[in-house]
Amino acid sequence: MMESQIIFGIDVSSKSSTVCVVNDRIKQGESFKISNDSFGYQKLYEQLNQYLITPLVVFEATGVYSLSLQAFLEDYHIKYLKLNPLKAKKLMDNNLRHNKTDKVDAYRLALIQFNAPQKLRDPQPREYHELQNASRYYEELTRNIVTTKNQLHRNLQSTFPQIEEILSHPSGRIYWALVSLFPHAGYVLEKNETQVTQMLNSISGIGQQRARYLTTRLYAFAREAYPYDSKDSIIVRAIQRNISNLFSLQQERDYVINYMEKLAKTVNARALSIYLSIPG
């Protein structure tokens, strides 16, 4: 037989949460609302401290909205059970008498733990959550890089499409620096070869010999080009903005990669070394 216990079922919404206190399956008084902030959590803390038996808090993981509640519970060392919404619905369907259309509210969340007790787990270290944040941010940066590359490709079609053939792979820092210097075929033809070679030689990773080779190719491409937009067009400015964004996004993505590596080492250096040993 289950020992006496008090459960606080909390139904979390975006700005506020509904709290229902259940003692041995019996609802204690009326449910009450708290705001999802320090004032609301102080009210919750006062309610939790009214009982001799340490209550258990049960709530659904509602994405970003339940994170501040979770942070409060962990900071104050309050035991909690965080349920996946799909699992909560399944547990309610299997263990509670209700209409199929009933939502999993605060009261039913509390009853789930009485009827189908779930094993409590220690809170996950915050570093794992930070790794998830970093991973999402990295994916966001990657999507933005792809979008900006596509914009750059479209913009170059009306000023200097041939420049995309200057390197074997039209991407990366050297290519972007080169396009930034010559976003329009007219930027090549208005200068002599010595000037173009000097400009190319200023790009990190391009030596004197390669600069001369690229100068020859640039002139050939520039003479071949027949731009729709002039070298004074706003499209040229858009291309240079694309390039600036690509440099910034790539630099930020490199930072996130290093940040994740350092963080992963603090969490589990051995696991990281095993993953890194896998080819690819």
C-alpha atoms as a PDB file:
ATOM      1  CA  MET A   1       0.000   0.000   0.000  1.00  0.00           C
ATOM      2  CA  MET A   2       1.321   3.412  -0.971  1.00  0.00           C
ATOM      3  CA  GLU A   3       2.385   5.591   1.922  1.00  0.00           C
ATOM      4  CA  SER A   4       0.662   8.910   2.479  1.00  0.00           C
ATOM      5  CA  GLN A   5       1.913  11.594   0.140  1.00  0.00           C
ATOM      6  CA  ILE A   6       1.078  15.100  -0.984  1.00  0.00           C
ATOM      7  CA  ILE A   7       1.350  16.015  -4.632  1.00  0.00           C
ATOM      8  CA  PHE A   8       1.214  19.442  -6.212  1.00  0.00           C
ATOM      9  CA  GLY A   9      -0.077  19.038  -9.770  1.00  0.00           C
ATOM     10  CA  ILE A  10       0.850  22.083 -11.836  1.00  0.00           C
ATOM     11  CA  ASP A  11      -0.655  22.855 -15.240  1.00  0.00           C
ATOM     12  CA  VAL A  12       1.842  25.243 -16.881  1.00  0.00           C
ATOM     13  CA  SER A  13       0.746  27.865 -19.412  1.00  0.00           C
ATOM     14  CA  SER A  14       2.729  30.635 -21.062  1.00  0.00           C
ATOM     15  CA  LYS A  15       2.317  33.345 -18.396  1.00  0.00           C
ATOM     16  CA  SER A  16       0.702  31.570 -15.449  1.00  0.00           C
ATOM     17  CA  SER A  17       0.195  28.104 -13.984  1.00  0.00           C
ATOM     18  CA  THR A  18      -2.673  26.382 -12.201  1.00  0.00           C
ATOM     19  CA  VAL A  19      -1.773  24.493  -9.027  1.00  0.00           C
ATOM     20  CA  CYS A  20      -3.847  21.699  -7.482  1.00  0.00           C
ATOM     21  CA  VAL A  21      -2.876  20.120  -4.153  1.00  0.00           C
ATOM     22  CA  VAL A  22      -3.824  16.462  -3.718  1.00  0.00           C
ATOM     23  CA  ASN A  23      -3.383  14.504  -0.489  1.00  0.00           C
ATOM     24  CA  ASP A  24      -3.910  10.728  -0.858  1.00  0.00           C
ATOM     25  CA  ARG A  25      -6.012  11.259  -3.999  1.00  0.00           C
ATOM     26  CA  ILE A  26      -8.203  13.833  -2.245  1.00  0.00           C
ATOM     27  CA  LYS A  27      -8.142  17.378  -3.602  1.00  0.00           C
ATOM     28  CA  GLN A  28      -7.206  19.900  -0.926  1.00  0.00           C
ATOM     29  CA  GLY A  29      -9.258  23.065  -1.315  1.00  0.00           C
ATOM     30  CA  GLU A  30      -9.583  24.969  -4.569  1.00  0.00           C
ATOM     31  CA  SER A  31      -6.926  25.089  -7.252  1.00  0.00           C
ATOM     32  CA  PHE A  32      -5.041  28.364  -7.378  1.00  0.00           C
ATOM     33  CA  LYS A  33      -3.069  30.258  -9.972  1.00  0.00           C
ATOM     34  CA  ILE A  34       0.484  31.552  -9.830  1.00  0.00           C
ATOM     35  CA  SER A  35       2.351  33.762 -12.240  1.00  0.00           C
ATOM     36  CA  ASN A  36       5.373  32.181 -13.894  1.00  0.00           C
ATOM     37  CA  ASP A  37       7.851  34.501 -12.220  1.00  0.00           C
ATOM     38  CA  SER A  38       9.654  35.028  -8.917  1.00  0.00           C
ATOM     39  CA  PHE A  39       6.495  36.368  -7.222  1.00  0.00           C
ATOM     40  CA  GLY A  40       4.418  33.387  -8.307  1.00  0.00           C
ATOM     41  CA  TYR A  41       7.089  30.918  -7.262  1.00  0.00           C
ATOM     42  CA  GLN A  42       7.366  32.575  -3.855  1.00  0.00           C
ATOM     43  CA  LYS A  43       3.632  31.955  -3.402  1.00  0.00           C
ATOM     44  CA  LEU A  44       4.148  28.332  -4.457  1.00  0.00           C
ATOM     45  CA  TYR A  45       7.067  27.965  -2.051  1.00  0.00           C
ATOM     46  CA  GLU A  46       4.930  29.193   0.849  1.00  0.00           C
ATOM     47  CA  GLN A  47       2.238  26.626  -0.026  1.00  0.00           C
ATOM     48  CA  LEU A  48       4.797  23.814  -0.259  1.00  0.00           C
ATOM     49  CA  ASN A  49       6.141  24.654   3.200  1.00  0.00           C
ATOM     50  CA  GLN A  50       2.743  24.271   4.863  1.00  0.00           C
ATOM     51  CA  TYR A  51       3.029  20.473   4.970  1.00  0.00           C
ATOM     52  CA  LEU A  52       5.005  18.241   7.308  1.00  0.00           C
ATOM     53  CA  ILE A  53       5.438  15.690   4.524  1.00  0.00           C
ATOM     54  CA  THR A  54       7.622  17.027   1.716  1.00  0.00           C
ATOM     55  CA  PRO A  55       5.317  17.415  -1.292  1.00  0.00           C
ATOM     56  CA  LEU A  56       6.138  16.198  -4.791  1.00  0.00           C
ATOM     57  CA  VAL A  57       5.540  18.539  -7.713  1.00  0.00           C
ATOM     58  CA  VAL A  58       4.222  17.028 -10.968  1.00  0.00           C
ATOM     59  CA  PHE A  59       4.047  19.020 -14.201  1.00  0.00           C
ATOM     60  CA  GLU A  60       4.200  18.577 -17.948  1.00  0.00           C
ATOM     61  CA  ALA A  61       7.232  19.648 -19.972  1.00  0.00           C
ATOM     62  CA  THR A  62       5.678  22.491 -21.963  1.00  0.00           C
ATOM     63  CA  GLY A  63       8.734  23.580 -23.924  1.00  0.00           C
ATOM     64  CA  VAL A  64      10.201  26.924 -22.898  1.00  0.00           C
ATOM     65  CA  TYR A  65       7.247  27.791 -20.647  1.00  0.00           C
ATOM     66  CA  SER A  66       8.054  25.196 -17.969  1.00  0.00           C
ATOM     67  CA  LEU A  67      11.784  25.988 -17.803  1.00  0.00           C
ATOM     68  CA  SER A  68      11.531  28.757 -15.193  1.00  0.00           C
ATOM     69  CA  LEU A  69       9.396  26.523 -12.931  1.00  0.00           C
ATOM     70  CA  GLN A  70      11.965  23.747 -13.295  1.00  0.00           C
ATOM     71  CA  ALA A  71      14.775  26.167 -12.458  1.00  0.00           C
ATOM     72  CA  PHE A  72      12.933  27.271  -9.304  1.00  0.00           C
ATOM     73  CA  LEU A  73      12.333  23.674  -8.165  1.00  0.00           C
ATOM     74  CA  GLU A  74      15.954  22.724  -8.707  1.00  0.00           C
ATOM     75  CA  ASP A  75      17.307  25.848  -7.007  1.00  0.00           C
ATOM     76  CA  TYR A  76      15.204  25.134  -3.905  1.00  0.00           C
ATOM     77  CA  HIS A  77      15.853  21.354  -4.009  1.00  0.00           C
ATOM     78  CA  ILE A  78      12.168  20.514  -4.360  1.00  0.00           C
ATOM     79  CA  LYS A  79      11.420  17.028  -5.684  1.00  0.00           C
ATOM     80  CA  TYR A  80       9.582  17.057  -8.989  1.00  0.00           C
ATOM     81  CA  LEU A  81       8.363  14.806 -11.761  1.00  0.00           C
ATOM     82  CA  LYS A  82       8.446  16.292 -15.257  1.00  0.00           C
ATOM     83  CA  LEU A  83       6.221  14.368 -17.668  1.00  0.00           C
ATOM     84  CA  ASN A  84       6.359  14.322 -21.426  1.00  0.00           C
ATOM     85  CA  PRO A  85       2.909  15.559 -22.620  1.00  0.00           C
ATOM     86  CA  LEU A  86       2.317  12.446 -24.746  1.00  0.00           C
ATOM     87  CA  LYS A  87       3.261  10.176 -21.867  1.00  0.00           C
ATOM     88  CA  ALA A  88       1.047  12.147 -19.472  1.00  0.00           C
ATOM     89  CA  LYS A  89      -1.936  11.736 -21.817  1.00  0.00           C
ATOM     90  CA  LYS A  90      -1.242   8.015 -22.212  1.00  0.00           C
ATOM     91  CA  LEU A  91      -0.929   7.506 -18.443  1.00  0.00           C
ATOM     92  CA  MET A  92      -4.180   9.360 -17.905  1.00  0.00           C
ATOM     93  CA  ASP A  93      -5.957   7.279 -20.571  1.00  0.00           C
ATOM     94  CA  ASN A  94      -4.698   4.028 -19.070  1.00  0.00           C
ATOM     95  CA  ASN A  95      -5.108   4.764 -15.375  1.00  0.00           C
ATOM     96  CA  LEU A  96      -7.848   7.357 -14.840  1.00  0.00           C
ATOM     97  CA  ARG A  97     -11.571   7.311 -15.436  1.00  0.00           C
ATOM     98  CA  HIS A  98     -12.358  10.269 -17.636  1.00  0.00           C
ATOM     99  CA  ASN A  99     -13.824  11.354 -20.939  1.00  0.00           C
ATOM    100  CA  LYS A 100     -11.419  11.007 -23.835  1.00  0.00           C
ATOM    101  CA  THR A 101     -11.746  14.724 -24.536  1.00  0.00           C
ATOM    102  CA  ASP A 102     -10.632  15.731 -21.031  1.00  0.00           C
ATOM    103  CA  LYS A 103      -7.338  17.579 -20.974  1.00  0.00           C
ATOM    104  CA  VAL A 104      -4.495  16.683 -18.629  1.00  0.00           C
ATOM    105  CA  ASP A 105      -5.026  19.431 -16.056  1.00  0.00           C
ATOM    106  CA  ALA A 106      -3.349  20.068 -12.703  1.00  0.00           C
ATOM    107  CA  TYR A 107      -5.619  17.692 -10.779  1.00  0.00           C
ATOM    108  CA  ARG A 108      -5.200  14.824 -13.225  1.00  0.00           C
ATOM    109  CA  LEU A 109      -1.444  15.340 -13.308  1.00  0.00           C
ATOM    110  CA  ALA A 110      -1.362  14.811  -9.559  1.00  0.00           C
ATOM    111  CA  LEU A 111      -3.599  11.722  -9.783  1.00  0.00           C
ATOM    112  CA  ILE A 112      -1.283  10.133 -12.358  1.00  0.00           C
ATOM    113  CA  GLN A 113       1.431   9.767  -9.744  1.00  0.00           C
ATOM    114  CA  PHE A 114      -1.007   8.083  -7.358  1.00  0.00           C
ATOM    115  CA  ASN A 115      -2.397   5.647  -9.932  1.00  0.00           C
ATOM    116  CA  ALA A 116       0.748   5.000 -11.977  1.00  0.00           C
ATOM    117  CA  PRO A 117       3.743   6.048  -9.856  1.00  0.00           C
ATOM    118  CA  GLN A 118       6.675   7.174 -12.012  1.00  0.00           C
ATOM    119  CA  LYS A 119      10.279   6.791 -10.950  1.00  0.00           C
ATOM    120  CA  LEU A 120      11.901  10.074  -9.985  1.00  0.00           C
ATOM    121  CA  ARG A 121      15.181  10.949 -11.615  1.00  0.00           C
ATOM    122  CA  ASP A 122      17.902  13.273 -10.465  1.00  0.00           C
ATOM    123  CA  PRO A 123      17.800  16.634 -12.273  1.00  0.00           C
ATOM    124  CA  GLN A 124      19.888  16.691 -15.413  1.00  0.00           C
ATOM    125  CA  PRO A 125      23.019  18.857 -15.042  1.00  0.00           C
ATOM    126  CA  ARG A 126      22.430  22.341 -16.435  1.00  0.00           C
ATOM    127  CA  GLU A 127      25.427  21.842 -18.733  1.00  0.00           C
ATOM    128  CA  TYR A 128      23.369  19.398 -20.824  1.00  0.00           C
ATOM    129  CA  HIS A 129      20.652  22.005 -21.273  1.00  0.00           C
ATOM    130  CA  GLU A 130      23.318  24.527 -22.260  1.00  0.00           C
ATOM    131  CA  LEU A 131      24.658  22.043 -24.821  1.00  0.00           C
ATOM    132  CA  GLN A 132      21.152  21.749 -26.251  1.00  0.00           C
ATOM    133  CA  ASN A 133      20.936  25.551 -26.427  1.00  0.00           C
ATOM    134  CA  ALA A 134      24.281  25.700 -28.221  1.00  0.00           C
ATOM    135  CA  SER A 135      23.268  22.941 -30.633  1.00  0.00           C
ATOM    136  CA  ARG A 136      20.039  24.735 -31.556  1.00  0.00           C
ATOM    137  CA  TYR A 137      21.933  27.991 -32.015  1.00  0.00           C
ATOM    138  CA  TYR A 138      24.492  26.212 -34.229  1.00  0.00           C
ATOM    139  CA  GLU A 139      21.699  24.808 -36.407  1.00  0.00           C
ATOM    140  CA  GLU A 140      20.139  28.274 -36.642  1.00  0.00           C
ATOM    141  CA  LEU A 141      23.458  29.754 -37.785  1.00  0.00           C
ATOM    142  CA  THR A 142      23.879  26.959 -40.338  1.00  0.00           C
ATOM    143  CA  ARG A 143      20.409  27.631 -41.784  1.00  0.00           C
ATOM    144  CA  ASN A 144      21.210  31.339 -42.005  1.00  0.00           C
ATOM    145  CA  ILE A 145      24.486  30.595 -43.798  1.00  0.00           C
ATOM    146  CA  VAL A 146      22.658  28.457 -46.378  1.00  0.00           C
ATOM    147  CA  THR A 147      20.048  31.202 -46.888  1.00  0.00           C
ATOM    148  CA  THR A 148      22.717  33.888 -47.290  1.00  0.00           C
ATOM    149  CA  LYS A 149      24.707  31.760 -49.746  1.00  0.00           C
ATOM    150  CA  ASN A 150      21.573  31.408 -51.866  1.00  0.00           C
ATOM    151  CA  GLN A 151      21.012  35.158 -51.742  1.00  0.00           C
ATOM    152  CA  LEU A 152      24.606  35.768 -52.802  1.00  0.00           C
ATOM    153  CA  HIS A 153      24.230  33.358 -55.723  1.00  0.00           C
ATOM    154  CA  ARG A 154      21.054  35.112 -56.922  1.00  0.00           C
ATOM    155  CA  ASN A 155      22.569  38.570 -56.614  1.00  0.00           C
ATOM    156  CA  LEU A 156      25.720  37.645 -58.528  1.00  0.00           C
ATOM    157  CA  GLN A 157      23.669  36.500 -61.527  1.00  0.00           C
ATOM    158  CA  SER A 158      23.049  40.106 -62.564  1.00  0.00           C
ATOM    159  CA  THR A 159      26.547  41.476 -61.873  1.00  0.00           C
ATOM    160  CA  PHE A 160      29.245  38.818 -62.310  1.00  0.00           C
ATOM    161  CA  PRO A 161      27.984  35.185 -62.437  1.00  0.00           C
ATOM    162  CA  GLN A 162      31.278  33.942 -63.930  1.00  0.00           C
ATOM    163  CA  ILE A 163      33.139  34.668 -60.690  1.00  0.00           C
ATOM    164  CA  GLU A 164      31.489  31.594 -59.157  1.00  0.00           C
ATOM    165  CA  GLU A 165      33.898  29.554 -61.313  1.00  0.00           C
ATOM    166  CA  ILE A 166      37.054  31.298 -60.045  1.00  0.00           C
ATOM    167  CA  LEU A 167      37.642  28.578 -57.432  1.00  0.00           C
ATOM    168  CA  SER A 168      36.818  24.881 -57.534  1.00  0.00           C
ATOM    169  CA  HIS A 169      34.363  25.404 -54.648  1.00  0.00           C
ATOM    170  CA  PRO A 170      32.490  28.751 -54.633  1.00  0.00           C
ATOM    171  CA  SER A 171      32.316  29.061 -50.869  1.00  0.00           C
ATOM    172  CA  GLY A 172      34.531  29.718 -47.865  1.00  0.00           C
ATOM    173  CA  ARG A 173      36.535  32.663 -46.596  1.00  0.00           C
ATOM    174  CA  ILE A 174      38.910  33.043 -49.576  1.00  0.00           C
ATOM    175  CA  TYR A 175      36.051  32.974 -52.082  1.00  0.00           C
ATOM    176  CA  TRP A 176      33.964  35.420 -50.047  1.00  0.00           C
ATOM    177  CA  ALA A 177      36.902  37.814 -49.678  1.00  0.00           C
ATOM    178  CA  LEU A 178      37.514  37.628 -53.428  1.00  0.00           C
ATOM    179  CA  VAL A 179      33.869  38.351 -54.290  1.00  0.00           C
ATOM    180  CA  SER A 180      33.825  41.203 -51.784  1.00  0.00           C
ATOM    181  CA  LEU A 181      36.664  42.853 -53.738  1.00  0.00           C
ATOM    182  CA  PHE A 182      35.118  42.152 -57.135  1.00  0.00           C
ATOM    183  CA  PRO A 183      31.296  41.926 -56.811  1.00  0.00           C
ATOM    184  CA  HIS A 184      30.886  43.224 -60.370  1.00  0.00           C
ATOM    185  CA  ALA A 185      32.803  42.489 -63.571  1.00  0.00           C
ATOM    186  CA  GLY A 186      33.394  46.231 -63.960  1.00  0.00           C
ATOM    187  CA  TYR A 187      35.438  46.257 -60.731  1.00  0.00           C
ATOM    188  CA  VAL A 188      37.999  44.042 -62.496  1.00  0.00           C
ATOM    189  CA  LEU A 189      38.123  45.821 -65.844  1.00  0.00           C
ATOM    190  CA  GLU A 190      38.566  49.292 -64.329  1.00  0.00           C
ATOM    191  CA  LYS A 191      41.911  48.249 -62.809  1.00  0.00           C
ATOM    192  CA  ASN A 192      45.175  47.079 -64.331  1.00  0.00           C
ATOM    193  CA  GLU A 193      46.574  43.609 -63.722  1.00  0.00           C
ATOM    194  CA  THR A 194      49.140  44.770 -61.171  1.00  0.00           C
ATOM    195  CA  GLN A 195      46.431  46.398 -59.062  1.00  0.00           C
ATOM    196  CA  VAL A 196      44.208  43.301 -59.229  1.00  0.00           C
ATOM    197  CA  THR A 197      47.131  41.030 -58.301  1.00  0.00           C
ATOM    198  CA  GLN A 198      47.996  43.219 -55.316  1.00  0.00           C
ATOM    199  CA  MET A 199      44.374  43.172 -54.150  1.00  0.00           C
ATOM    200  CA  LEU A 200      44.237  39.391 -54.416  1.00  0.00           C
ATOM    201  CA  ASN A 201      47.566  39.021 -52.655  1.00  0.00           C
ATOM    202  CA  SER A 202      46.109  40.913 -49.682  1.00  0.00           C
ATOM    203  CA  ILE A 203      43.682  38.027 -49.068  1.00  0.00           C
ATOM    204  CA  SER A 204      44.964  35.661 -46.384  1.00  0.00           C
ATOM    205  CA  GLY A 205      45.713  32.289 -47.971  1.00  0.00           C
ATOM    206  CA  ILE A 206      46.543  33.629 -51.449  1.00  0.00           C
ATOM    207  CA  GLY A 207      50.242  33.847 -52.255  1.00  0.00           C
ATOM    208  CA  GLN A 208      51.933  35.872 -55.001  1.00  0.00           C
ATOM    209  CA  GLN A 209      51.969  33.072 -57.582  1.00  0.00           C
ATOM    210  CA  ARG A 210      48.336  32.140 -57.005  1.00  0.00           C
ATOM    211  CA  ALA A 211      47.328  35.808 -57.088  1.00  0.00           C
ATOM    212  CA  ARG A 212      48.817  36.160 -60.599  1.00  0.00           C
ATOM    213  CA  TYR A 213      47.029  33.008 -61.757  1.00  0.00           C
ATOM    214  CA  LEU A 214      43.691  34.224 -60.354  1.00  0.00           C
ATOM    215  CA  THR A 215      44.224  37.657 -61.948  1.00  0.00           C
ATOM    216  CA  THR A 216      44.424  36.037 -65.384  1.00  0.00           C
ATOM    217  CA  ARG A 217      41.233  34.069 -64.731  1.00  0.00           C
ATOM    218  CA  LEU A 218      39.422  37.114 -63.346  1.00  0.00           C
ATOM    219  CA  TYR A 219      40.174  39.177 -66.458  1.00  0.00           C
ATOM    220  CA  ALA A 220      38.996  36.357 -68.707  1.00  0.00           C
ATOM    221  CA  PHE A 221      35.753  36.036 -66.730  1.00  0.00           C
ATOM    222  CA  ALA A 222      35.211  39.811 -66.585  1.00  0.00           C
ATOM    223  CA  ARG A 223      35.582  40.168 -70.356  1.00  0.00           C
ATOM    224  CA  GLU A 224      33.154  37.288 -70.838  1.00  0.00           C
ATOM    225  CA  ALA A 225      30.522  38.760 -68.508  1.00  0.00           C
ATOM    226  CA  TYR A 226      27.618  40.859 -69.723  1.00  0.00           C
ATOM    227  CA  PRO A 227      26.036  42.247 -66.508  1.00  0.00           C
ATOM    228  CA  TYR A 228      22.436  43.371 -66.365  1.00  0.00           C
ATOM    229  CA  ASP A 229      23.047  45.720 -63.398  1.00  0.00           C
ATOM    230  CA  SER A 230      25.724  48.411 -63.419  1.00  0.00           C
ATOM    231  CA  LYS A 231      28.615  48.499 -60.965  1.00  0.00           C
ATOM    232  CA  ASP A 232      26.819  51.381 -59.206  1.00  0.00           C
ATOM    233  CA  SER A 233      23.667  49.305 -58.636  1.00  0.00           C
ATOM    234  CA  ILE A 234      22.289  48.680 -55.183  1.00  0.00           C
ATOM    235  CA  ILE A 235      22.742  44.969 -55.971  1.00  0.00           C
ATOM    236  CA  VAL A 236      26.501  45.438 -55.530  1.00  0.00           C
ATOM    237  CA  ARG A 237      25.839  46.744 -52.023  1.00  0.00           C
ATOM    238  CA  ALA A 238      23.546  43.772 -51.385  1.00  0.00           C
ATOM    239  CA  ILE A 239      26.351  41.392 -52.465  1.00  0.00           C
ATOM    240  CA  GLN A 240      28.828  43.031 -50.105  1.00  0.00           C
ATOM    241  CA  ARG A 241      26.254  42.787 -47.307  1.00  0.00           C
ATOM    242  CA  ASN A 242      25.824  39.073 -48.114  1.00  0.00           C
ATOM    243  CA  ILE A 243      29.590  38.628 -47.828  1.00  0.00           C
ATOM    244  CA  SER A 244      29.757  40.548 -44.548  1.00  0.00           C
ATOM    245  CA  ASN A 245      26.951  38.409 -43.126  1.00  0.00           C
ATOM    246  CA  LEU A 246      28.660  35.192 -44.226  1.00  0.00           C
ATOM    247  CA  PHE A 247      31.904  36.151 -42.506  1.00  0.00           C
ATOM    248  CA  SER A 248      30.013  37.071 -39.340  1.00  0.00           C
ATOM    249  CA  LEU A 249      27.883  33.911 -39.345  1.00  0.00           C
ATOM    250  CA  GLN A 250      30.872  31.660 -39.991  1.00  0.00           C
ATOM    251  CA  GLN A 251      32.866  33.317 -37.194  1.00  0.00           C
ATOM    252  CA  GLU A 252      29.957  32.870 -34.786  1.00  0.00           C
ATOM    253  CA  ARG A 253      29.508  29.242 -35.820  1.00  0.00           C
ATOM    254  CA  ASP A 254      33.205  28.553 -35.180  1.00  0.00           C
ATOM    255  CA  TYR A 255      32.817  30.110 -31.729  1.00  0.00           C
ATOM    256  CA  VAL A 256      29.797  27.895 -30.939  1.00  0.00           C
ATOM    257  CA  ILE A 257      31.692  24.760 -32.002  1.00  0.00           C
ATOM    258  CA  ASN A 258      34.584  25.624 -29.658  1.00  0.00           C
ATOM    259  CA  TYR A 259      32.130  26.505 -26.889  1.00  0.00           C
ATOM    260  CA  MET A 260      30.330  23.163 -27.221  1.00  0.00           C
ATOM    261  CA  GLU A 261      33.629  21.276 -27.200  1.00  0.00           C
ATOM    262  CA  LYS A 262      34.792  22.983 -23.988  1.00  0.00           C
ATOM    263  CA  LEU A 263      31.389  22.433 -22.361  1.00  0.00           C
ATOM    264  CA  ALA A 264      31.271  18.773 -23.405  1.00  0.00           C
ATOM    265  CA  LYS A 265      34.686  18.203 -21.862  1.00  0.00           C
ATOM    266  CA  THR A 266      33.489  19.550 -18.520  1.00  0.00           C
ATOM    267  CA  VAL A 267      30.399  17.294 -18.624  1.00  0.00           C
ATOM    268  CA  ASN A 268      31.913  14.050 -19.898  1.00  0.00           C
ATOM    269  CA  ALA A 269      35.349  14.263 -21.471  1.00  0.00           C
ATOM    270  CA  ARG A 270      35.613  10.479 -21.900  1.00  0.00           C
ATOM    271  CA  ALA A 271      32.347  10.210 -23.831  1.00  0.00           C
ATOM    272  CA  LEU A 272      33.434  13.099 -26.055  1.00  0.00           C
ATOM    273  CA  SER A 273      36.753  11.416 -26.861  1.00  0.00           C
ATOM    274  CA  ILE A 274      34.883   8.215 -27.810  1.00  0.00           C
ATOM    275  CA  TYR A 275      32.527  10.085 -30.135  1.00  0.00           C
ATOM    276  CA  LEU A 276      35.413  11.979 -31.732  1.00  0.00           C
ATOM    277  CA  SER A 277      37.231   8.703 -32.414  1.00  0.00           C
ATOM    278  CA  ILE A 278      34.427   7.555 -34.745  1.00  0.00           C
ATOM    279  CA  PRO A 279      35.415   8.136 -38.407  1.00  0.00           C
ATOM    280  CA  GLY A 280      33.393  10.959 -39.958  1.00  0.00           C
END
